[in-house]
Amino acid sequence: MKKILVPTDFSNEAEQALKVAAQLAKKHGSEIYLLHMLELPLDKVDAFSQYSELPEAMFFMKLAHQKFAKAMSQDYLKGVTIHETVDFNQTFTGITNTCKENGIDLIVMGSHGANGFKEMFIGSNTEKVVRTAEVPVLVIKNDHVNFDINHFVFASDFNKDNKGTYLQAIELAEALEAKIHLLFVNTANNFVTTATAKARILDFIKGSTFENYTISIYNDETVEKGILNFSHIVGADLIGISTHGRQGIAHFFNGSISEDLVNHAKRPVITFKI
């Protein structure tokens, strides 16, 4: 977790994400890449990339740098190395390129919460980032004075194609000194006996030396409700789920989890790419 990317439009939601990123950076000696995308008409992007003196480009660039200066003057960023980047590009493309160019380990993004997953501060581009990012994406929707993660729910169907995401979750849990709650949600439409589910989980984690975990098989009407209800019961500080790339965040278990999981979760959610 040495390089953290925080895309921003300088909104309150973006600042909440930056505050969390700052806490993580101070704890783990990380650097923050603060990225603001100027989504101007595509027919002008090439001109801007050639250092055009067009008034529109200069105006928006100057305004962005002013906002950067104000953001980076906040006390919570003192002692943190910040890399300021303003780019003329489509948001999704810019985030993807920045991750590749700088070897980003984690993306931290803000959310408007109940207004919907697609209403996150950079709009529908956020769904694309979560769906396709090669690095974990941490979605923040509240202000966290102290971002302390003690209980981390990792929900999965525990099929072997998810094994890589579990290894990422373990690495995160160790860094945060958190307990992982391995959660299998049972539904009427996709019922698995407790014995079968537990055996699948044990086989899934075989070979791992991580010991700070619990195993839970939870019954509910839907997978989404099961994750949310279980997380409430154990007082989870963070929910982790896996994504299947082009199939999207909705592809989970053998069916789908709607974007309601992210919309309705009152807790931070982190996604891991399978």
Protein backbone atom coordinates (compact mmCIF):
# COMPACT_ATOMS: atom_id res chain seq x y z
CA MET A 1 0.00 0.00 0.00
CA LYS A 2 2.78 2.37 -0.92
CA LYS A 3 0.94 4.34 -3.61
CA ILE A 4 -2.66 5.46 -3.15
CA LEU A 5 -4.69 7.12 -5.90
CA VAL A 6 -7.48 9.51 -4.90
CA PRO A 7 -9.52 10.87 -7.84
CA THR A 8 -11.17 14.14 -6.82
CA ASP A 9 -13.60 16.78 -7.96
CA PHE A 10 -13.00 18.65 -4.68
CA SER A 11 -16.48 17.78 -3.38
CA ASN A 12 -17.22 16.86 0.25
CA GLU A 13 -17.38 13.20 -0.77
CA ALA A 14 -13.98 13.40 -2.42
CA GLU A 15 -12.55 15.05 0.68
CA GLN A 16 -13.90 12.22 2.86
CA ALA A 17 -11.98 9.79 0.67
CA LEU A 18 -8.85 11.94 0.87
CA LYS A 19 -9.04 12.03 4.68
CA VAL A 20 -9.11 8.22 4.77
CA ALA A 21 -6.26 8.01 2.27
CA ALA A 22 -4.24 10.41 4.42
CA GLN A 23 -4.72 8.23 7.49
CA LEU A 24 -3.65 5.15 5.56
CA ALA A 25 -0.65 7.01 4.13
CA LYS A 26 0.54 8.13 7.55
CA LYS A 27 0.15 4.66 9.02
CA HIS A 28 1.87 2.82 6.17
CA GLY A 29 4.30 5.43 4.83
CA SER A 30 2.38 5.73 1.57
CA GLU A 31 2.34 8.45 -1.06
CA ILE A 32 -0.92 9.89 -2.37
CA TYR A 33 -1.58 10.65 -6.02
CA LEU A 34 -4.37 13.23 -6.07
CA LEU A 35 -5.93 13.24 -9.53
CA HIS A 36 -8.39 15.70 -11.04
CA MET A 37 -9.72 15.05 -14.51
CA LEU A 38 -10.89 17.87 -16.75
CA GLU A 39 -13.38 16.24 -19.08
CA LEU A 40 -13.43 18.72 -21.93
CA PRO A 41 -14.78 18.03 -25.45
CA LEU A 42 -12.86 15.21 -27.07
CA ASP A 43 -12.15 17.23 -30.21
CA LYS A 44 -10.14 19.64 -28.07
CA VAL A 45 -8.17 17.13 -26.02
CA ASP A 46 -5.44 16.72 -28.64
CA ALA A 47 -4.99 20.43 -28.83
CA PHE A 48 -4.71 20.71 -25.05
CA SER A 49 -2.21 17.88 -24.90
CA GLN A 50 0.04 19.95 -27.17
CA TYR A 51 0.20 22.66 -24.49
CA SER A 52 -2.35 24.83 -26.21
CA GLU A 53 -2.78 28.39 -25.04
CA LEU A 54 -6.54 28.20 -25.58
CA PRO A 55 -8.23 30.34 -22.91
CA GLU A 56 -10.60 27.53 -21.85
CA ALA A 57 -7.75 25.15 -21.14
CA MET A 58 -5.72 27.70 -19.22
CA PHE A 59 -8.73 28.82 -17.18
CA PHE A 60 -9.75 25.34 -16.05
CA MET A 61 -6.16 24.32 -15.38
CA LYS A 62 -5.55 27.41 -13.22
CA LEU A 63 -8.80 26.85 -11.35
CA ALA A 64 -7.90 23.22 -10.67
CA HIS A 65 -4.47 24.16 -9.31
CA GLN A 66 -6.08 26.72 -7.01
CA LYS A 67 -8.38 24.04 -5.64
CA PHE A 68 -5.42 21.68 -5.25
CA ALA A 69 -3.56 24.31 -3.25
CA LYS A 70 -6.53 24.74 -0.93
CA ALA A 71 -7.03 20.99 -0.53
CA MET A 72 -3.37 20.33 0.24
CA SER A 73 -3.24 23.06 2.88
CA GLN A 74 -5.46 21.01 5.19
CA ASP A 75 -3.93 19.93 8.49
CA TYR A 76 -4.79 16.26 7.97
CA LEU A 77 -2.38 16.12 5.02
CA LYS A 78 0.64 17.44 6.91
CA GLY A 79 3.57 15.07 6.62
CA VAL A 80 2.05 13.18 3.67
CA THR A 81 3.73 13.18 0.25
CA ILE A 82 1.16 14.35 -2.30
CA HIS A 83 1.55 14.19 -6.07
CA GLU A 84 -0.76 16.67 -7.76
CA THR A 85 -2.04 15.72 -11.22
CA VAL A 86 -4.46 17.52 -13.51
CA ASP A 87 -5.19 15.79 -16.78
CA PHE A 88 -7.34 16.52 -19.82
CA ASN A 89 -8.92 13.15 -20.36
CA GLN A 90 -12.02 11.09 -19.77
CA THR A 91 -12.20 10.25 -16.06
CA PHE A 92 -12.17 6.48 -16.45
CA THR A 93 -9.30 6.55 -18.95
CA GLY A 94 -7.31 8.99 -16.83
CA ILE A 95 -7.62 6.86 -13.69
CA THR A 96 -6.65 3.70 -15.55
CA ASN A 97 -3.61 5.38 -17.11
CA THR A 98 -2.50 6.92 -13.82
CA CYS A 99 -2.64 3.52 -12.10
CA LYS A 100 -0.46 1.93 -14.79
CA GLU A 101 2.02 4.80 -15.04
CA ASN A 102 2.60 5.10 -11.29
CA GLY A 103 2.17 1.54 -10.03
CA ILE A 104 -0.82 2.39 -7.84
CA ASP A 105 -1.62 -0.14 -5.10
CA LEU A 106 -5.01 1.16 -3.95
CA ILE A 107 -7.70 3.51 -5.26
CA VAL A 108 -9.77 5.41 -2.68
CA MET A 109 -12.97 7.02 -3.96
CA GLY A 110 -15.83 8.99 -2.43
CA SER A 111 -19.52 8.18 -2.74
CA HIS A 112 -22.79 10.02 -2.29
CA GLY A 113 -24.13 6.96 -0.49
CA ALA A 114 -27.84 6.31 -0.85
CA ASN A 115 -28.08 8.42 -3.99
CA GLY A 116 -26.78 5.44 -5.87
CA PHE A 117 -23.67 3.71 -7.02
CA LYS A 118 -23.77 5.49 -10.36
CA GLU A 119 -24.06 8.81 -8.55
CA MET A 120 -20.58 8.59 -7.04
CA PHE A 121 -18.71 11.79 -7.44
CA ILE A 122 -17.30 11.02 -10.86
CA GLY A 123 -20.57 9.61 -12.09
CA SER A 124 -20.94 6.39 -14.02
CA ASN A 125 -17.17 6.29 -14.59
CA THR A 126 -16.83 5.02 -11.02
CA GLU A 127 -18.66 1.84 -11.92
CA LYS A 128 -16.16 1.30 -14.73
CA VAL A 129 -13.27 1.82 -12.34
CA VAL A 130 -14.63 -0.61 -9.76
CA ARG A 131 -15.48 -3.14 -12.45
CA THR A 132 -12.16 -3.14 -14.27
CA ALA A 133 -9.48 -1.77 -11.93
CA GLU A 134 -6.61 -4.20 -11.48
CA VAL A 135 -6.00 -2.88 -7.95
CA PRO A 136 -8.41 -2.83 -4.99
CA VAL A 137 -10.92 0.05 -4.91
CA LEU A 138 -11.99 1.39 -1.53
CA VAL A 139 -15.33 3.24 -1.60
CA ILE A 140 -15.87 5.78 1.18
CA LYS A 141 -19.27 7.35 1.83
CA ASN A 142 -18.95 8.88 5.30
CA ASP A 143 -16.53 11.05 7.23
CA HIS A 144 -14.08 8.92 9.24
CA VAL A 145 -12.20 10.81 11.95
CA ASN A 146 -10.41 7.56 12.76
CA PHE A 147 -10.35 4.96 9.99
CA ASP A 148 -9.80 1.97 12.25
CA ILE A 149 -10.74 -1.40 10.77
CA ASN A 150 -11.19 -4.12 13.37
CA HIS A 151 -13.82 -6.30 11.71
CA PHE A 152 -13.56 -6.95 7.98
CA VAL A 153 -16.32 -8.98 6.29
CA PHE A 154 -15.10 -10.81 3.19
CA ALA A 155 -18.17 -12.13 1.36
CA SER A 156 -17.66 -14.70 -1.36
CA ASP A 157 -19.02 -17.85 -2.97
CA PHE A 158 -15.56 -19.32 -2.21
CA ASN A 159 -15.08 -20.78 -5.63
CA LYS A 160 -11.44 -21.15 -6.55
CA ASP A 161 -11.43 -18.35 -9.11
CA ASN A 162 -11.75 -16.01 -6.13
CA LYS A 163 -8.59 -17.24 -4.40
CA GLY A 164 -6.48 -14.34 -5.63
CA THR A 165 -8.89 -11.83 -4.15
CA TYR A 166 -8.70 -13.57 -0.79
CA LEU A 167 -4.93 -13.25 -0.80
CA GLN A 168 -5.34 -9.51 -1.42
CA ALA A 169 -7.88 -9.33 1.40
CA ILE A 170 -5.47 -11.09 3.76
CA GLU A 171 -2.71 -8.66 2.88
CA LEU A 172 -5.04 -5.76 3.62
CA ALA A 173 -6.27 -7.30 6.88
CA GLU A 174 -2.71 -7.82 8.08
CA ALA A 175 -1.82 -4.22 7.25
CA LEU A 176 -4.92 -2.96 9.08
CA GLU A 177 -4.55 -5.49 11.91
CA ALA A 178 -8.15 -6.56 11.33
CA LYS A 179 -10.07 -9.80 11.83
CA ILE A 180 -11.61 -11.25 8.65
CA HIS A 181 -15.12 -12.67 8.81
CA LEU A 182 -15.40 -15.15 5.94
CA LEU A 183 -19.05 -14.97 4.92
CA PHE A 184 -21.08 -17.35 2.77
CA VAL A 185 -24.67 -16.22 2.27
CA ASN A 186 -27.23 -18.96 1.76
CA THR A 187 -30.45 -18.20 -0.13
CA ALA A 188 -33.46 -20.34 -0.98
CA ASN A 189 -32.70 -20.12 -4.68
CA ASN A 190 -29.10 -21.20 -4.25
CA PHE A 191 -29.18 -23.37 -1.15
CA VAL A 192 -26.07 -25.15 0.10
CA THR A 193 -25.95 -27.14 3.30
CA THR A 194 -23.91 -25.73 6.16
CA ALA A 195 -21.54 -28.69 6.04
CA THR A 196 -20.95 -28.24 2.30
CA ALA A 197 -20.46 -24.49 2.59
CA LYS A 198 -18.01 -24.83 5.48
CA ALA A 199 -16.04 -27.52 3.65
CA ARG A 200 -15.84 -25.26 0.60
CA ILE A 201 -14.53 -22.37 2.69
CA LEU A 202 -11.94 -24.53 4.45
CA ASP A 203 -10.74 -25.86 1.11
CA PHE A 204 -10.65 -22.31 -0.22
CA ILE A 205 -8.34 -21.03 2.53
CA LYS A 206 -6.16 -24.16 2.65
CA GLY A 207 -2.48 -23.29 2.61
CA SER A 208 -2.95 -19.83 4.09
CA THR A 209 -1.14 -19.08 7.34
CA PHE A 210 -3.52 -16.24 8.24
CA GLU A 211 -5.30 -17.21 11.45
CA ASN A 212 -7.28 -14.13 12.51
CA TYR A 213 -10.57 -15.13 10.90
CA THR A 214 -14.03 -16.54 11.55
CA ILE A 215 -16.27 -18.62 9.28
CA SER A 216 -19.97 -17.82 8.96
CA ILE A 217 -22.78 -19.29 6.89
CA TYR A 218 -25.68 -16.85 6.99
CA ASN A 219 -29.20 -17.41 5.64
CA ASP A 220 -31.18 -14.57 4.10
CA GLU A 221 -33.60 -13.68 1.31
CA THR A 222 -30.88 -12.38 -1.01
CA VAL A 223 -27.12 -12.28 -1.02
CA GLU A 224 -27.17 -8.47 -0.77
CA LYS A 225 -29.38 -8.51 2.33
CA GLY A 226 -27.31 -11.26 3.85
CA ILE A 227 -24.08 -9.31 3.52
CA LEU A 228 -25.64 -6.12 4.88
CA ASN A 229 -27.45 -7.83 7.77
CA PHE A 230 -24.48 -9.94 8.80
CA SER A 231 -22.18 -6.90 8.63
CA HIS A 232 -24.56 -5.05 10.93
CA ILE A 233 -24.66 -7.93 13.40
CA VAL A 234 -20.86 -8.20 13.73
CA GLY A 235 -20.34 -4.44 13.62
CA ALA A 236 -18.21 -4.64 10.50
CA ASP A 237 -15.94 -1.70 9.74
CA LEU A 238 -15.37 -2.78 6.14
CA ILE A 239 -17.05 -5.04 3.56
CA GLY A 240 -14.98 -6.76 0.89
CA ILE A 241 -16.34 -8.35 -2.31
CA SER A 242 -14.91 -9.64 -5.56
CA THR A 243 -15.58 -8.34 -9.07
CA HIS A 244 -15.41 -10.23 -12.34
CA GLY A 245 -14.09 -7.55 -14.67
CA ARG A 246 -16.31 -7.05 -17.70
CA GLN A 247 -19.09 -8.97 -16.01
CA GLY A 248 -19.17 -6.17 -13.48
CA ILE A 249 -19.64 -5.72 -9.78
CA ALA A 250 -23.09 -7.27 -10.24
CA HIS A 251 -21.58 -10.68 -11.00
CA PHE A 252 -21.18 -12.41 -7.67
CA PHE A 253 -21.92 -15.90 -6.41
CA ASN A 254 -23.56 -17.77 -9.30
CA GLY A 255 -26.10 -15.03 -9.85
CA SER A 256 -25.76 -11.34 -9.30
CA ILE A 257 -25.53 -8.76 -6.55
CA SER A 258 -27.12 -5.52 -7.60
CA GLU A 259 -25.44 -2.21 -7.07
CA ASP A 260 -27.72 -1.89 -4.02
CA LEU A 261 -24.92 -3.43 -1.95
CA VAL A 262 -22.76 -0.38 -2.46
CA ASN A 263 -25.72 2.00 -2.47
CA HIS A 264 -27.13 0.84 0.83
CA ALA A 265 -24.07 -0.20 2.80
CA LYS A 266 -23.40 2.33 5.53
CA ARG A 267 -19.90 0.97 5.79
CA PRO A 268 -16.90 1.34 3.49
CA VAL A 269 -16.75 -1.25 0.72
CA ILE A 270 -13.59 -2.53 -0.94
CA THR A 271 -13.61 -4.47 -4.21
CA PHE A 272 -11.02 -6.90 -5.47
CA LYS A 273 -10.64 -7.84 -9.14
CA ILE A 274 -10.76 -11.57 -9.87
